[in-house]
Amino acid sequence: MPIYDILCLECGKEFEATSKVEDRLGIKCLCGGETKILLTNSRNRDWFREHWNEHLDPNKSIFVSSKRQYKELCKKYGVQARCLL
């Protein structure tokens, strides 16, 4: 099972959680607040490269060709990439 970095939108706590890919959006904080998945990547300025991302959609890999597309996909799938903060 993958390990996810999670941010609680209620209390601000960051924590790690393991979950099946299809159940990842249901991860809850101990306080009961809503959470977002933090996608971790290098904080290097030139970090972006075209890639197949298998973490956004549990049913398929998605080809990401630009930072803009990556931001839009993160918003669509309800995740937050640390590198885009």
N, C-alpha and C. Protein backbone atom coordinates (compact mmCIF):
# COMPACT_ATOMS: atom_id res chain seq x y z
N MET A 1 0.83 -1.18 0.00
CA MET A 1 0.00 0.00 0.00
C MET A 1 0.88 1.24 0.00
N PRO A 2 0.50 2.26 -0.78
CA PRO A 2 1.28 3.49 -0.81
C PRO A 2 1.17 4.29 0.49
N ILE A 3 2.20 5.06 0.75
CA ILE A 3 2.20 5.98 1.89
C ILE A 3 1.94 7.37 1.33
N TYR A 4 0.99 8.07 1.92
CA TYR A 4 0.63 9.41 1.47
C TYR A 4 0.99 10.44 2.54
N ASP A 5 1.47 11.60 2.09
CA ASP A 5 1.63 12.75 2.97
C ASP A 5 0.30 13.49 2.94
N ILE A 6 -0.27 13.73 4.12
CA ILE A 6 -1.60 14.31 4.23
C ILE A 6 -1.54 15.64 4.98
N LEU A 7 -2.34 16.60 4.55
CA LEU A 7 -2.49 17.87 5.24
C LEU A 7 -3.93 17.99 5.69
N CYS A 8 -4.14 18.24 6.97
CA CYS A 8 -5.49 18.46 7.49
C CYS A 8 -5.84 19.93 7.28
N LEU A 9 -6.95 20.17 6.61
CA LEU A 9 -7.38 21.54 6.34
C LEU A 9 -8.02 22.20 7.56
N GLU A 10 -8.38 21.40 8.55
CA GLU A 10 -9.01 21.92 9.77
C GLU A 10 -7.96 22.38 10.79
N CYS A 11 -7.04 21.47 11.16
CA CYS A 11 -6.07 21.79 12.22
C CYS A 11 -4.68 22.12 11.69
N GLY A 12 -4.43 21.89 10.38
CA GLY A 12 -3.14 22.21 9.79
C GLY A 12 -2.06 21.17 10.00
N LYS A 13 -2.40 20.05 10.64
CA LYS A 13 -1.42 19.00 10.91
C LYS A 13 -1.05 18.28 9.62
N GLU A 14 0.25 17.97 9.45
CA GLU A 14 0.71 17.13 8.35
C GLU A 14 1.06 15.77 8.93
N PHE A 15 0.64 14.72 8.26
CA PHE A 15 0.93 13.37 8.73
C PHE A 15 1.00 12.42 7.55
N GLU A 16 1.52 11.22 7.80
CA GLU A 16 1.60 10.17 6.79
C GLU A 16 0.51 9.16 7.06
N ALA A 17 -0.03 8.60 5.98
CA ALA A 17 -1.04 7.56 6.11
C ALA A 17 -0.87 6.56 4.98
N THR A 18 -1.13 5.29 5.26
CA THR A 18 -1.15 4.28 4.22
C THR A 18 -2.59 4.01 3.85
N SER A 19 -2.81 3.79 2.56
CA SER A 19 -4.16 3.55 2.08
C SER A 19 -4.10 2.90 0.71
N LYS A 20 -5.11 2.12 0.38
CA LYS A 20 -5.25 1.63 -0.98
C LYS A 20 -5.46 2.85 -1.87
N VAL A 21 -5.00 2.78 -3.11
CA VAL A 21 -5.12 3.91 -4.01
C VAL A 21 -6.57 4.34 -4.15
N GLU A 22 -7.48 3.39 -4.29
CA GLU A 22 -8.89 3.74 -4.49
C GLU A 22 -9.54 4.34 -3.23
N ASP A 23 -8.93 4.16 -2.06
CA ASP A 23 -9.49 4.69 -0.81
C ASP A 23 -8.78 5.95 -0.31
N ARG A 24 -7.81 6.45 -1.07
CA ARG A 24 -6.94 7.53 -0.59
C ARG A 24 -7.68 8.83 -0.30
N LEU A 25 -8.77 9.11 -1.00
CA LEU A 25 -9.49 10.37 -0.78
C LEU A 25 -10.34 10.35 0.48
N GLY A 26 -10.47 9.18 1.11
CA GLY A 26 -11.25 9.07 2.34
C GLY A 26 -10.43 9.12 3.60
N ILE A 27 -9.14 9.42 3.49
CA ILE A 27 -8.27 9.49 4.67
C ILE A 27 -8.71 10.68 5.52
N LYS A 28 -8.90 10.45 6.82
CA LYS A 28 -9.34 11.50 7.74
C LYS A 28 -8.26 11.77 8.78
N CYS A 29 -8.24 12.98 9.28
CA CYS A 29 -7.37 13.37 10.39
C CYS A 29 -8.02 12.92 11.69
N LEU A 30 -7.23 12.80 12.74
CA LEU A 30 -7.78 12.43 14.05
C LEU A 30 -8.78 13.47 14.56
N CYS A 31 -8.64 14.72 14.13
CA CYS A 31 -9.58 15.76 14.55
C CYS A 31 -10.90 15.68 13.79
N GLY A 32 -10.93 14.87 12.73
CA GLY A 32 -12.14 14.71 11.92
C GLY A 32 -12.25 15.70 10.78
N GLY A 33 -11.23 16.54 10.62
CA GLY A 33 -11.25 17.55 9.56
C GLY A 33 -11.01 16.99 8.18
N GLU A 34 -11.37 17.79 7.16
CA GLU A 34 -11.11 17.43 5.78
C GLU A 34 -9.61 17.44 5.54
N THR A 35 -9.16 16.59 4.61
CA THR A 35 -7.74 16.48 4.33
C THR A 35 -7.47 16.60 2.83
N LYS A 36 -6.22 16.92 2.51
CA LYS A 36 -5.73 16.92 1.14
C LYS A 36 -4.46 16.10 1.10
N ILE A 37 -4.25 15.41 -0.01
CA ILE A 37 -3.03 14.65 -0.21
C ILE A 37 -1.96 15.60 -0.74
N LEU A 38 -0.78 15.55 -0.14
CA LEU A 38 0.36 16.35 -0.59
C LEU A 38 1.23 15.48 -1.46
N LEU A 39 1.39 15.85 -2.71
CA LEU A 39 2.27 15.11 -3.60
C LEU A 39 3.66 15.69 -3.43
N THR A 40 4.62 14.86 -3.11
CA THR A 40 5.97 15.32 -2.81
C THR A 40 6.83 15.27 -4.06
N ASN A 41 7.61 16.29 -4.25
CA ASN A 41 8.55 16.35 -5.36
C ASN A 41 9.66 17.30 -4.95
N SER A 42 10.70 17.36 -5.73
CA SER A 42 11.82 18.23 -5.44
C SER A 42 11.38 19.69 -5.38
N ARG A 43 11.98 20.46 -4.48
CA ARG A 43 11.68 21.88 -4.41
C ARG A 43 12.60 22.68 -5.34
N ASN A 44 13.33 21.98 -6.15
CA ASN A 44 14.21 22.59 -7.13
C ASN A 44 13.37 23.39 -8.12
N ARG A 45 13.86 24.54 -8.50
CA ARG A 45 13.14 25.41 -9.43
C ARG A 45 12.81 24.73 -10.75
N ASP A 46 13.70 23.94 -11.26
CA ASP A 46 13.52 23.28 -12.54
C ASP A 46 13.10 21.82 -12.36
N TRP A 47 12.28 21.56 -11.38
CA TRP A 47 11.91 20.20 -11.04
C TRP A 47 11.04 19.53 -12.09
N PHE A 48 10.26 20.30 -12.85
CA PHE A 48 9.26 19.68 -13.71
C PHE A 48 9.86 19.03 -14.95
N ARG A 49 9.39 17.82 -15.21
CA ARG A 49 9.69 17.10 -16.44
C ARG A 49 8.40 16.40 -16.84
N GLU A 50 8.16 16.26 -18.14
CA GLU A 50 6.99 15.50 -18.59
C GLU A 50 7.06 14.11 -17.99
N HIS A 51 5.92 13.58 -17.57
CA HIS A 51 5.94 12.27 -16.93
C HIS A 51 4.54 11.64 -16.93
N TRP A 52 4.52 10.34 -16.71
CA TRP A 52 3.27 9.62 -16.48
C TRP A 52 3.05 9.61 -14.98
N ASN A 53 1.92 10.16 -14.53
CA ASN A 53 1.63 10.21 -13.10
C ASN A 53 0.60 9.15 -12.77
N GLU A 54 0.96 8.24 -11.90
CA GLU A 54 0.05 7.14 -11.53
C GLU A 54 -0.65 7.39 -10.20
N HIS A 55 -0.43 8.55 -9.59
CA HIS A 55 -0.98 8.81 -8.27
C HIS A 55 -2.23 9.67 -8.28
N LEU A 56 -2.57 10.29 -9.39
CA LEU A 56 -3.73 11.15 -9.43
C LEU A 56 -5.03 10.37 -9.57
N ASP A 57 -5.08 9.47 -10.51
CA ASP A 57 -6.29 8.67 -10.77
C ASP A 57 -5.98 7.22 -10.44
N PRO A 58 -6.77 6.60 -9.56
CA PRO A 58 -6.48 5.21 -9.16
C PRO A 58 -6.70 4.19 -10.28
N ASN A 59 -7.37 4.60 -11.35
CA ASN A 59 -7.70 3.65 -12.42
C ASN A 59 -6.78 3.72 -13.63
N LYS A 60 -5.97 4.79 -13.71
CA LYS A 60 -5.10 4.92 -14.89
C LYS A 60 -3.96 5.88 -14.62
N SER A 61 -2.92 5.78 -15.40
CA SER A 61 -1.83 6.75 -15.37
C SER A 61 -2.19 7.90 -16.31
N ILE A 62 -1.78 9.10 -15.93
CA ILE A 62 -2.08 10.29 -16.72
C ILE A 62 -0.77 10.93 -17.15
N PHE A 63 -0.66 11.24 -18.45
CA PHE A 63 0.54 11.91 -18.94
C PHE A 63 0.44 13.39 -18.63
N VAL A 64 1.44 13.92 -17.92
CA VAL A 64 1.47 15.33 -17.54
C VAL A 64 2.57 16.00 -18.35
N SER A 65 2.18 17.00 -19.14
CA SER A 65 3.14 17.61 -20.06
C SER A 65 3.59 19.01 -19.64
N SER A 66 2.92 19.63 -18.65
CA SER A 66 3.32 20.98 -18.23
C SER A 66 2.95 21.21 -16.77
N LYS A 67 3.59 22.23 -16.17
CA LYS A 67 3.26 22.60 -14.79
C LYS A 67 1.80 23.04 -14.70
N ARG A 68 1.36 23.78 -15.71
CA ARG A 68 -0.02 24.27 -15.72
C ARG A 68 -1.01 23.10 -15.71
N GLN A 69 -0.75 22.12 -16.57
CA GLN A 69 -1.62 20.94 -16.61
C GLN A 69 -1.58 20.20 -15.27
N TYR A 70 -0.39 20.12 -14.67
CA TYR A 70 -0.25 19.44 -13.38
C TYR A 70 -1.08 20.15 -12.30
N LYS A 71 -1.06 21.50 -12.29
CA LYS A 71 -1.86 22.26 -11.34
C LYS A 71 -3.35 21.98 -11.54
N GLU A 72 -3.79 21.96 -12.80
CA GLU A 72 -5.20 21.71 -13.12
C GLU A 72 -5.61 20.30 -12.69
N LEU A 73 -4.73 19.32 -12.93
CA LEU A 73 -5.04 17.94 -12.54
C LEU A 73 -5.10 17.79 -11.02
N CYS A 74 -4.20 18.47 -10.32
CA CYS A 74 -4.23 18.42 -8.85
C CYS A 74 -5.56 18.96 -8.34
N LYS A 75 -6.01 20.07 -8.92
CA LYS A 75 -7.28 20.66 -8.52
C LYS A 75 -8.44 19.70 -8.84
N LYS A 76 -8.42 19.11 -10.02
CA LYS A 76 -9.49 18.19 -10.44
C LYS A 76 -9.60 16.99 -9.52
N TYR A 77 -8.44 16.43 -9.12
CA TYR A 77 -8.45 15.21 -8.30
C TYR A 77 -8.38 15.48 -6.80
N GLY A 78 -8.40 16.76 -6.40
CA GLY A 78 -8.46 17.11 -4.99
C GLY A 78 -7.21 16.83 -4.20
N VAL A 79 -6.05 17.01 -4.84
CA VAL A 79 -4.77 16.82 -4.15
C VAL A 79 -3.97 18.11 -4.24
N GLN A 80 -2.97 18.25 -3.39
CA GLN A 80 -2.11 19.42 -3.41
C GLN A 80 -0.66 18.94 -3.53
N ALA A 81 0.03 19.39 -4.53
CA ALA A 81 1.44 19.05 -4.71
C ALA A 81 2.28 20.04 -3.92
N ARG A 82 3.14 19.54 -3.05
CA ARG A 82 4.01 20.43 -2.27
C ARG A 82 4.84 21.33 -3.17
N CYS A 83 5.28 20.79 -4.28
CA CYS A 83 6.14 21.56 -5.17
C CYS A 83 5.40 22.73 -5.79
N LEU A 84 4.08 22.75 -5.76
CA LEU A 84 3.31 23.86 -6.34
C LEU A 84 2.88 24.88 -5.30
N LEU A 85 3.23 24.66 -4.02
CA LEU A 85 2.84 25.59 -2.95
C LEU A 85 3.59 26.89 -3.06
